[in-house]
Amino acid sequence: MPDILEAGAWGLVAGSALLLGAAIGYGLRVPRWLVASVMAFGAGVLLSAVSFELVAEAYDEGGLAPAVIGTVGGAVAYTAGNAWLARRGARHRKRSGHRIQPSEEQQAGSGTALALGALLDGVPESAVIGMSLLQGGAVSLVTVVAVFLSNVPEGLSSSAGMRRAGRGRAYVFGVWGTIALAGTVAAVLGYAVAGALPVAAVAAVTAVAAGAILAMIADTMIPEAFEDTHLAMGLITVCGFLVSFSLSHA
């Protein structure tokens, strides 16, 4: 299989976890503590992947400056986009519990904001999957597993919140199906665009994705996890971190 198609295939695999989580969250009444626990585990998995697969790789390939500048730039870009969407009703897009998402009647345009928020969260992760193929010609299975495991609770929690806000099945699965396809495209572009760049630029782009993912974890995943796991969140997050760390050193 050509590498560019492989990048898209792995992006689709990781993105399919959003639909899996959405089906569970919309069709079943999953206890909030369980959703939050899975979210905490997913946050730990992503934290490890960002540390050992992305930032470390950016540093090894381009040195300290591209790694730092790229990471800060990614965090700034994500935070700016998230702040803009938060004012339009997408602040609690991953929440399924106490702070529910607004309905369209409560805040016009919130449905579009939720969809754009999901896109903002998912594109950096998927792009990294495609870029990982540039390192040795094989996809980083750790990155794919990390994104897949974090996407399940994201789709689960957010779709449960969408259902509580009165959004229908067509909207919920339309959003997550579109995001899964967008993730596939992002993985392809991550491979194609980064492959044409010099090594230092690839390192910087990798760091940008890492910064965006780190900001997303802190702003959306950890708050959702803390809401119902409380004192257990730290332990669950550490378990997710160690699972991903073990996979990266297997």
C-alpha atoms as a PDB file:
ATOM      1  CA  MET A   1       0.000   0.000   0.000  1.00  0.00           C
ATOM      2  CA  PRO A   2       1.402   3.468  -0.876  1.00  0.00           C
ATOM      3  CA  ASP A   3       2.417   5.378   2.227  1.00  0.00           C
ATOM      4  CA  ILE A   4      -0.062   8.176   1.627  1.00  0.00           C
ATOM      5  CA  LEU A   5      -2.956   5.689   1.546  1.00  0.00           C
ATOM      6  CA  GLU A   6      -1.590   3.974   4.631  1.00  0.00           C
ATOM      7  CA  ALA A   7      -1.575   7.324   6.417  1.00  0.00           C
ATOM      8  CA  GLY A   8      -5.237   7.818   5.553  1.00  0.00           C
ATOM      9  CA  ALA A   9      -6.127   4.277   6.607  1.00  0.00           C
ATOM     10  CA  TRP A  10      -4.533   4.700  10.039  1.00  0.00           C
ATOM     11  CA  GLY A  11      -6.200   8.084  10.420  1.00  0.00           C
ATOM     12  CA  LEU A  12      -9.549   6.454   9.683  1.00  0.00           C
ATOM     13  CA  VAL A  13      -8.869   3.677  12.211  1.00  0.00           C
ATOM     14  CA  ALA A  14      -8.137   6.219  14.939  1.00  0.00           C
ATOM     15  CA  GLY A  15     -11.104   8.370  13.930  1.00  0.00           C
ATOM     16  CA  SER A  16     -13.496   5.422  13.962  1.00  0.00           C
ATOM     17  CA  ALA A  17     -13.120   5.397  17.746  1.00  0.00           C
ATOM     18  CA  LEU A  18     -15.145   8.623  17.805  1.00  0.00           C
ATOM     19  CA  LEU A  19     -18.085   6.834  16.171  1.00  0.00           C
ATOM     20  CA  LEU A  20     -17.681   3.891  18.540  1.00  0.00           C
ATOM     21  CA  GLY A  21     -17.732   6.197  21.541  1.00  0.00           C
ATOM     22  CA  ALA A  22     -20.662   8.179  20.112  1.00  0.00           C
ATOM     23  CA  ALA A  23     -22.707   5.003  19.617  1.00  0.00           C
ATOM     24  CA  ILE A  24     -22.097   3.983  23.225  1.00  0.00           C
ATOM     25  CA  GLY A  25     -22.713   7.455  24.648  1.00  0.00           C
ATOM     26  CA  TYR A  26     -25.856   8.125  22.635  1.00  0.00           C
ATOM     27  CA  GLY A  27     -27.407   4.667  22.830  1.00  0.00           C
ATOM     28  CA  LEU A  28     -26.584   3.737  26.424  1.00  0.00           C
ATOM     29  CA  ARG A  29     -26.761   5.590  29.706  1.00  0.00           C
ATOM     30  CA  VAL A  30     -23.175   5.111  30.803  1.00  0.00           C
ATOM     31  CA  PRO A  31     -22.464   6.204  34.398  1.00  0.00           C
ATOM     32  CA  ARG A  32     -20.702   9.554  34.520  1.00  0.00           C
ATOM     33  CA  TRP A  33     -17.967   8.176  36.764  1.00  0.00           C
ATOM     34  CA  LEU A  34     -17.132   5.576  34.106  1.00  0.00           C
ATOM     35  CA  VAL A  35     -17.032   8.179  31.330  1.00  0.00           C
ATOM     36  CA  ALA A  36     -14.772  10.365  33.454  1.00  0.00           C
ATOM     37  CA  SER A  37     -12.515   7.432  34.323  1.00  0.00           C
ATOM     38  CA  VAL A  38     -12.043   6.506  30.670  1.00  0.00           C
ATOM     39  CA  MET A  39     -11.394  10.175  29.896  1.00  0.00           C
ATOM     40  CA  ALA A  40      -8.715  10.286  32.607  1.00  0.00           C
ATOM     41  CA  PHE A  41      -7.093   7.144  31.188  1.00  0.00           C
ATOM     42  CA  GLY A  42      -7.161   8.622  27.680  1.00  0.00           C
ATOM     43  CA  ALA A  43      -5.588  11.840  28.957  1.00  0.00           C
ATOM     44  CA  GLY A  44      -2.735   9.842  30.459  1.00  0.00           C
ATOM     45  CA  VAL A  45      -2.204   7.918  27.233  1.00  0.00           C
ATOM     46  CA  LEU A  46      -2.048  11.132  25.202  1.00  0.00           C
ATOM     47  CA  LEU A  47       0.268  12.841  27.695  1.00  0.00           C
ATOM     48  CA  SER A  48       2.751  10.010  27.313  1.00  0.00           C
ATOM     49  CA  ALA A  49       2.473  10.004  23.513  1.00  0.00           C
ATOM     50  CA  VAL A  50       3.006  13.759  23.361  1.00  0.00           C
ATOM     51  CA  SER A  51       6.044  13.522  25.637  1.00  0.00           C
ATOM     52  CA  PHE A  52       7.841  10.531  24.132  1.00  0.00           C
ATOM     53  CA  GLU A  53       6.563  10.440  20.551  1.00  0.00           C
ATOM     54  CA  LEU A  54       6.096  14.104  19.624  1.00  0.00           C
ATOM     55  CA  VAL A  55       8.030  16.627  21.684  1.00  0.00           C
ATOM     56  CA  ALA A  56      10.990  14.283  22.125  1.00  0.00           C
ATOM     57  CA  GLU A  57      10.979  13.542  18.385  1.00  0.00           C
ATOM     58  CA  ALA A  58      10.825  17.245  17.549  1.00  0.00           C
ATOM     59  CA  TYR A  59      13.774  17.883  19.848  1.00  0.00           C
ATOM     60  CA  ASP A  60      15.818  15.016  18.401  1.00  0.00           C
ATOM     61  CA  GLU A  61      15.192  16.116  14.820  1.00  0.00           C
ATOM     62  CA  GLY A  62      15.351  19.904  15.106  1.00  0.00           C
ATOM     63  CA  GLY A  63      16.842  20.836  18.454  1.00  0.00           C
ATOM     64  CA  LEU A  64      15.452  22.789  21.377  1.00  0.00           C
ATOM     65  CA  ALA A  65      14.353  25.965  19.594  1.00  0.00           C
ATOM     66  CA  PRO A  66      11.958  24.372  17.038  1.00  0.00           C
ATOM     67  CA  ALA A  67      10.568  22.083  19.733  1.00  0.00           C
ATOM     68  CA  VAL A  68       9.864  24.929  22.160  1.00  0.00           C
ATOM     69  CA  ILE A  69       8.643  27.468  19.606  1.00  0.00           C
ATOM     70  CA  GLY A  70       6.439  24.921  17.859  1.00  0.00           C
ATOM     71  CA  THR A  71       4.918  23.627  21.087  1.00  0.00           C
ATOM     72  CA  VAL A  72       4.113  27.126  22.333  1.00  0.00           C
ATOM     73  CA  GLY A  73       2.746  28.081  18.918  1.00  0.00           C
ATOM     74  CA  GLY A  74       0.459  25.045  18.832  1.00  0.00           C
ATOM     75  CA  ALA A  75      -0.838  25.787  22.323  1.00  0.00           C
ATOM     76  CA  VAL A  76      -1.484  29.448  21.442  1.00  0.00           C
ATOM     77  CA  ALA A  77      -3.318  28.522  18.233  1.00  0.00           C
ATOM     78  CA  TYR A  78      -5.478  25.942  19.986  1.00  0.00           C
ATOM     79  CA  THR A  79      -6.259  28.254  22.910  1.00  0.00           C
ATOM     80  CA  ALA A  80      -7.263  31.089  20.578  1.00  0.00           C
ATOM     81  CA  GLY A  81      -9.544  28.825  18.561  1.00  0.00           C
ATOM     82  CA  ASN A  82     -11.014  27.286  21.686  1.00  0.00           C
ATOM     83  CA  ALA A  83     -11.705  30.693  23.243  1.00  0.00           C
ATOM     84  CA  TRP A  84     -13.520  31.813  20.101  1.00  0.00           C
ATOM     85  CA  LEU A  85     -15.649  28.657  20.060  1.00  0.00           C
ATOM     86  CA  ALA A  86     -16.337  28.819  23.803  1.00  0.00           C
ATOM     87  CA  ARG A  87     -18.126  32.151  23.342  1.00  0.00           C
ATOM     88  CA  ARG A  88     -20.379  30.462  20.781  1.00  0.00           C
ATOM     89  CA  GLY A  89     -21.536  27.553  22.919  1.00  0.00           C
ATOM     90  CA  ALA A  90     -18.808  24.926  22.557  1.00  0.00           C
ATOM     91  CA  ARG A  91     -17.121  25.408  25.923  1.00  0.00           C
ATOM     92  CA  HIS A  92     -18.437  22.147  27.385  1.00  0.00           C
ATOM     93  CA  ARG A  93     -18.374  20.055  24.214  1.00  0.00           C
ATOM     94  CA  LYS A  94     -16.828  17.049  25.972  1.00  0.00           C
ATOM     95  CA  ARG A  95     -19.062  17.278  29.022  1.00  0.00           C
ATOM     96  CA  SER A  96     -21.778  14.734  29.712  1.00  0.00           C
ATOM     97  CA  GLY A  97     -22.563  15.600  33.309  1.00  0.00           C
ATOM     98  CA  HIS A  98     -23.320  18.656  35.380  1.00  0.00           C
ATOM     99  CA  ARG A  99     -22.306  21.329  32.881  1.00  0.00           C
ATOM    100  CA  ILE A 100     -24.240  20.298  29.827  1.00  0.00           C
ATOM    101  CA  GLN A 101     -23.971  21.736  26.351  1.00  0.00           C
ATOM    102  CA  PRO A 102     -26.498  24.431  25.363  1.00  0.00           C
ATOM    103  CA  SER A 103     -29.268  23.541  22.955  1.00  0.00           C
ATOM    104  CA  GLU A 104     -29.769  25.479  19.720  1.00  0.00           C
ATOM    105  CA  GLU A 105     -32.749  27.237  21.325  1.00  0.00           C
ATOM    106  CA  GLN A 106     -30.620  28.333  24.285  1.00  0.00           C
ATOM    107  CA  GLN A 107     -27.761  29.597  22.112  1.00  0.00           C
ATOM    108  CA  ALA A 108     -28.145  29.937  18.365  1.00  0.00           C
ATOM    109  CA  GLY A 109     -25.182  28.568  16.434  1.00  0.00           C
ATOM    110  CA  SER A 110     -24.022  26.358  19.290  1.00  0.00           C
ATOM    111  CA  GLY A 111     -24.463  23.237  17.152  1.00  0.00           C
ATOM    112  CA  THR A 112     -22.057  24.538  14.539  1.00  0.00           C
ATOM    113  CA  ALA A 113     -19.644  25.607  17.278  1.00  0.00           C
ATOM    114  CA  LEU A 114     -19.735  22.115  18.788  1.00  0.00           C
ATOM    115  CA  ALA A 115     -18.914  20.569  15.417  1.00  0.00           C
ATOM    116  CA  LEU A 116     -16.055  23.013  14.839  1.00  0.00           C
ATOM    117  CA  GLY A 117     -14.803  22.350  18.357  1.00  0.00           C
ATOM    118  CA  ALA A 118     -14.677  18.628  17.695  1.00  0.00           C
ATOM    119  CA  LEU A 119     -12.743  19.359  14.502  1.00  0.00           C
ATOM    120  CA  LEU A 120     -10.313  21.587  16.412  1.00  0.00           C
ATOM    121  CA  ASP A 121      -9.688  18.796  18.922  1.00  0.00           C
ATOM    122  CA  GLY A 122      -9.250  16.027  16.380  1.00  0.00           C
ATOM    123  CA  VAL A 123      -7.184  17.447  13.515  1.00  0.00           C
ATOM    124  CA  PRO A 124      -3.812  17.800  15.318  1.00  0.00           C
ATOM    125  CA  GLU A 125      -4.003  14.214  16.583  1.00  0.00           C
ATOM    126  CA  SER A 126      -4.762  12.835  13.130  1.00  0.00           C
ATOM    127  CA  ALA A 127      -2.104  14.929  11.403  1.00  0.00           C
ATOM    128  CA  VAL A 128       0.494  13.499  13.777  1.00  0.00           C
ATOM    129  CA  ILE A 129      -0.449   9.969  12.693  1.00  0.00           C
ATOM    130  CA  GLY A 130       0.368  10.788   9.067  1.00  0.00           C
ATOM    131  CA  MET A 131       3.574  12.566  10.025  1.00  0.00           C
ATOM    132  CA  SER A 132       4.734   9.563  12.039  1.00  0.00           C
ATOM    133  CA  LEU A 133       5.047   7.594   8.771  1.00  0.00           C
ATOM    134  CA  LEU A 134       7.917   9.865   7.811  1.00  0.00           C
ATOM    135  CA  GLN A 135      10.009   8.398  10.622  1.00  0.00           C
ATOM    136  CA  GLY A 136      11.347   5.104   9.292  1.00  0.00           C
ATOM    137  CA  GLY A 137       8.505   4.442   6.877  1.00  0.00           C
ATOM    138  CA  ALA A 138       6.183   2.876   9.466  1.00  0.00           C
ATOM    139  CA  VAL A 139       3.332   4.460  11.375  1.00  0.00           C
ATOM    140  CA  SER A 140       3.794   5.007  15.098  1.00  0.00           C
ATOM    141  CA  LEU A 141       1.467   2.415  16.602  1.00  0.00           C
ATOM    142  CA  VAL A 142       1.831   4.142  19.968  1.00  0.00           C
ATOM    143  CA  THR A 143       0.413   7.337  18.479  1.00  0.00           C
ATOM    144  CA  VAL A 144      -2.441   5.469  16.767  1.00  0.00           C
ATOM    145  CA  VAL A 145      -3.304   3.618  19.992  1.00  0.00           C
ATOM    146  CA  ALA A 146      -3.082   6.840  22.015  1.00  0.00           C
ATOM    147  CA  VAL A 147      -5.412   8.710  19.668  1.00  0.00           C
ATOM    148  CA  PHE A 148      -7.823   5.765  19.435  1.00  0.00           C
ATOM    149  CA  LEU A 149      -8.014   5.354  23.213  1.00  0.00           C
ATOM    150  CA  SER A 150      -8.557   9.075  23.743  1.00  0.00           C
ATOM    151  CA  ASN A 151     -11.185   9.288  20.982  1.00  0.00           C
ATOM    152  CA  VAL A 152     -13.483   6.684  22.532  1.00  0.00           C
ATOM    153  CA  PRO A 153     -14.242   8.685  25.707  1.00  0.00           C
ATOM    154  CA  GLU A 154     -14.338  11.919  23.699  1.00  0.00           C
ATOM    155  CA  GLY A 155     -17.074  10.597  21.421  1.00  0.00           C
ATOM    156  CA  LEU A 156     -18.848   8.923  24.340  1.00  0.00           C
ATOM    157  CA  SER A 157     -18.900  11.944  26.637  1.00  0.00           C
ATOM    158  CA  SER A 158     -19.680  14.521  23.977  1.00  0.00           C
ATOM    159  CA  SER A 159     -22.494  12.519  22.362  1.00  0.00           C
ATOM    160  CA  ALA A 160     -24.094  11.944  25.768  1.00  0.00           C
ATOM    161  CA  GLY A 161     -23.988  15.703  26.305  1.00  0.00           C
ATOM    162  CA  MET A 162     -25.456  16.314  22.853  1.00  0.00           C
ATOM    163  CA  ARG A 163     -28.316  13.932  23.630  1.00  0.00           C
ATOM    164  CA  ARG A 164     -29.018  15.751  26.908  1.00  0.00           C
ATOM    165  CA  ALA A 165     -29.068  19.055  24.999  1.00  0.00           C
ATOM    166  CA  GLY A 166     -31.788  17.663  22.731  1.00  0.00           C
ATOM    167  CA  ARG A 167     -29.753  17.037  19.600  1.00  0.00           C
ATOM    168  CA  GLY A 168     -30.949  14.198  17.401  1.00  0.00           C
ATOM    169  CA  ARG A 169     -29.244  11.012  16.259  1.00  0.00           C
ATOM    170  CA  ALA A 170     -28.622  12.354  12.742  1.00  0.00           C
ATOM    171  CA  TYR A 171     -26.812  15.398  14.097  1.00  0.00           C
ATOM    172  CA  VAL A 172     -24.680  13.440  16.580  1.00  0.00           C
ATOM    173  CA  PHE A 173     -23.526  10.754  14.161  1.00  0.00           C
ATOM    174  CA  GLY A 174     -23.234  13.245  11.326  1.00  0.00           C
ATOM    175  CA  VAL A 175     -20.806  15.304  13.407  1.00  0.00           C
ATOM    176  CA  TRP A 176     -18.651  12.369  14.456  1.00  0.00           C
ATOM    177  CA  GLY A 177     -18.726  10.734  11.039  1.00  0.00           C
ATOM    178  CA  THR A 178     -17.570  14.001   9.485  1.00  0.00           C
ATOM    179  CA  ILE A 179     -14.814  14.393  12.093  1.00  0.00           C
ATOM    180  CA  ALA A 180     -13.638  10.821  11.451  1.00  0.00           C
ATOM    181  CA  LEU A 181     -13.397  11.582   7.721  1.00  0.00           C
ATOM    182  CA  ALA A 182     -11.681  14.892   8.456  1.00  0.00           C
ATOM    183  CA  GLY A 183      -9.183  12.989  10.574  1.00  0.00           C
ATOM    184  CA  THR A 184      -8.469  10.738   7.617  1.00  0.00           C
ATOM    185  CA  VAL A 185      -7.800  13.771   5.421  1.00  0.00           C
ATOM    186  CA  ALA A 186      -5.659  15.353   8.156  1.00  0.00           C
ATOM    187  CA  ALA A 187      -3.528  12.209   8.383  1.00  0.00           C
ATOM    188  CA  VAL A 188      -3.013  12.234   4.607  1.00  0.00           C
ATOM    189  CA  LEU A 189      -2.119  15.936   4.633  1.00  0.00           C
ATOM    190  CA  GLY A 190       0.152  15.444   7.619  1.00  0.00           C
ATOM    191  CA  TYR A 191       2.133  12.922   5.608  1.00  0.00           C
ATOM    192  CA  ALA A 192       2.028  14.754   2.280  1.00  0.00           C
ATOM    193  CA  VAL A 193       2.736  18.285   3.523  1.00  0.00           C
ATOM    194  CA  ALA A 194       5.327  17.397   6.146  1.00  0.00           C
ATOM    195  CA  GLY A 195       7.103  15.101   3.706  1.00  0.00           C
ATOM    196  CA  ALA A 196       7.914  18.081   1.478  1.00  0.00           C
ATOM    197  CA  LEU A 197       9.469  20.107   4.302  1.00  0.00           C
ATOM    198  CA  PRO A 198      13.052  20.181   5.570  1.00  0.00           C
ATOM    199  CA  VAL A 199      13.841  18.270   8.759  1.00  0.00           C
ATOM    200  CA  ALA A 200      13.810  21.332  11.021  1.00  0.00           C
ATOM    201  CA  ALA A 201      10.414  22.381   9.678  1.00  0.00           C
ATOM    202  CA  VAL A 202       8.982  18.893  10.218  1.00  0.00           C
ATOM    203  CA  ALA A 203      10.246  19.041  13.793  1.00  0.00           C
ATOM    204  CA  ALA A 204       8.534  22.389  14.293  1.00  0.00           C
ATOM    205  CA  VAL A 205       5.240  21.154  12.792  1.00  0.00           C
ATOM    206  CA  THR A 206       5.366  18.070  15.023  1.00  0.00           C
ATOM    207  CA  ALA A 207       5.870  20.338  18.023  1.00  0.00           C
ATOM    208  CA  VAL A 208       2.937  22.540  16.937  1.00  0.00           C
ATOM    209  CA  ALA A 209       0.669  19.475  16.950  1.00  0.00           C
ATOM    210  CA  ALA A 210       2.066  18.471  20.342  1.00  0.00           C
ATOM    211  CA  GLY A 211       1.329  21.899  21.794  1.00  0.00           C
ATOM    212  CA  ALA A 212      -2.237  21.862  20.479  1.00  0.00           C
ATOM    213  CA  ILE A 213      -2.844  18.383  21.921  1.00  0.00           C
ATOM    214  CA  LEU A 214      -1.385  19.351  25.303  1.00  0.00           C
ATOM    215  CA  ALA A 215      -3.622  22.422  25.458  1.00  0.00           C
ATOM    216  CA  MET A 216      -6.633  20.295  24.515  1.00  0.00           C
ATOM    217  CA  ILE A 217      -5.866  17.768  27.266  1.00  0.00           C
ATOM    218  CA  ALA A 218      -5.601  20.486  29.904  1.00  0.00           C
ATOM    219  CA  ASP A 219      -8.610  22.457  28.732  1.00  0.00           C
ATOM    220  CA  THR A 220     -11.166  19.786  27.891  1.00  0.00           C
ATOM    221  CA  MET A 221     -10.166  16.246  28.884  1.00  0.00           C
ATOM    222  CA  ILE A 222      -8.832  16.764  32.405  1.00  0.00           C
ATOM    223  CA  PRO A 223     -11.752  18.979  33.541  1.00  0.00           C
ATOM    224  CA  GLU A 224     -14.235  16.363  32.315  1.00  0.00           C
ATOM    225  CA  ALA A 225     -12.292  13.602  34.049  1.00  0.00           C
ATOM    226  CA  PHE A 226     -12.018  15.496  37.337  1.00  0.00           C
ATOM    227  CA  GLU A 227     -15.722  16.238  37.412  1.00  0.00           C
ATOM    228  CA  ASP A 228     -16.618  12.696  38.469  1.00  0.00           C
ATOM    229  CA  THR A 229     -13.428  10.777  39.284  1.00  0.00           C
ATOM    230  CA  HIS A 230     -12.034  13.354  41.730  1.00  0.00           C
ATOM    231  CA  LEU A 231      -9.310  11.771  43.882  1.00  0.00           C
ATOM    232  CA  ALA A 232      -9.041   8.702  41.661  1.00  0.00           C
ATOM    233  CA  MET A 233      -8.289  10.772  38.559  1.00  0.00           C
ATOM    234  CA  GLY A 234      -4.564  11.024  39.234  1.00  0.00           C
ATOM    235  CA  LEU A 235      -4.150   7.275  39.617  1.00  0.00           C
ATOM    236  CA  ILE A 236      -6.184   6.501  36.496  1.00  0.00           C
ATOM    237  CA  THR A 237      -4.257   9.081  34.467  1.00  0.00           C
ATOM    238  CA  VAL A 238      -0.947   7.596  35.613  1.00  0.00           C
ATOM    239  CA  CYS A 239      -2.140   4.141  34.527  1.00  0.00           C
ATOM    240  CA  GLY A 240      -2.919   5.471  31.052  1.00  0.00           C
ATOM    241  CA  PHE A 241       0.454   7.215  30.924  1.00  0.00           C
ATOM    242  CA  LEU A 242       2.296   4.006  31.845  1.00  0.00           C
ATOM    243  CA  VAL A 243       0.397   1.914  29.294  1.00  0.00           C
ATOM    244  CA  SER A 244       1.424   4.313  26.524  1.00  0.00           C
ATOM    245  CA  PHE A 245       4.980   4.563  27.894  1.00  0.00           C
ATOM    246  CA  SER A 246       5.283   0.782  27.911  1.00  0.00           C
ATOM    247  CA  LEU A 247       4.084   0.557  24.314  1.00  0.00           C
ATOM    248  CA  SER A 248       6.610   3.181  23.198  1.00  0.00           C
ATOM    249  CA  HIS A 249       9.452   1.218  24.803  1.00  0.00           C
ATOM    250  CA  ALA A 250       8.319  -2.291  23.877  1.00  0.00           C
END
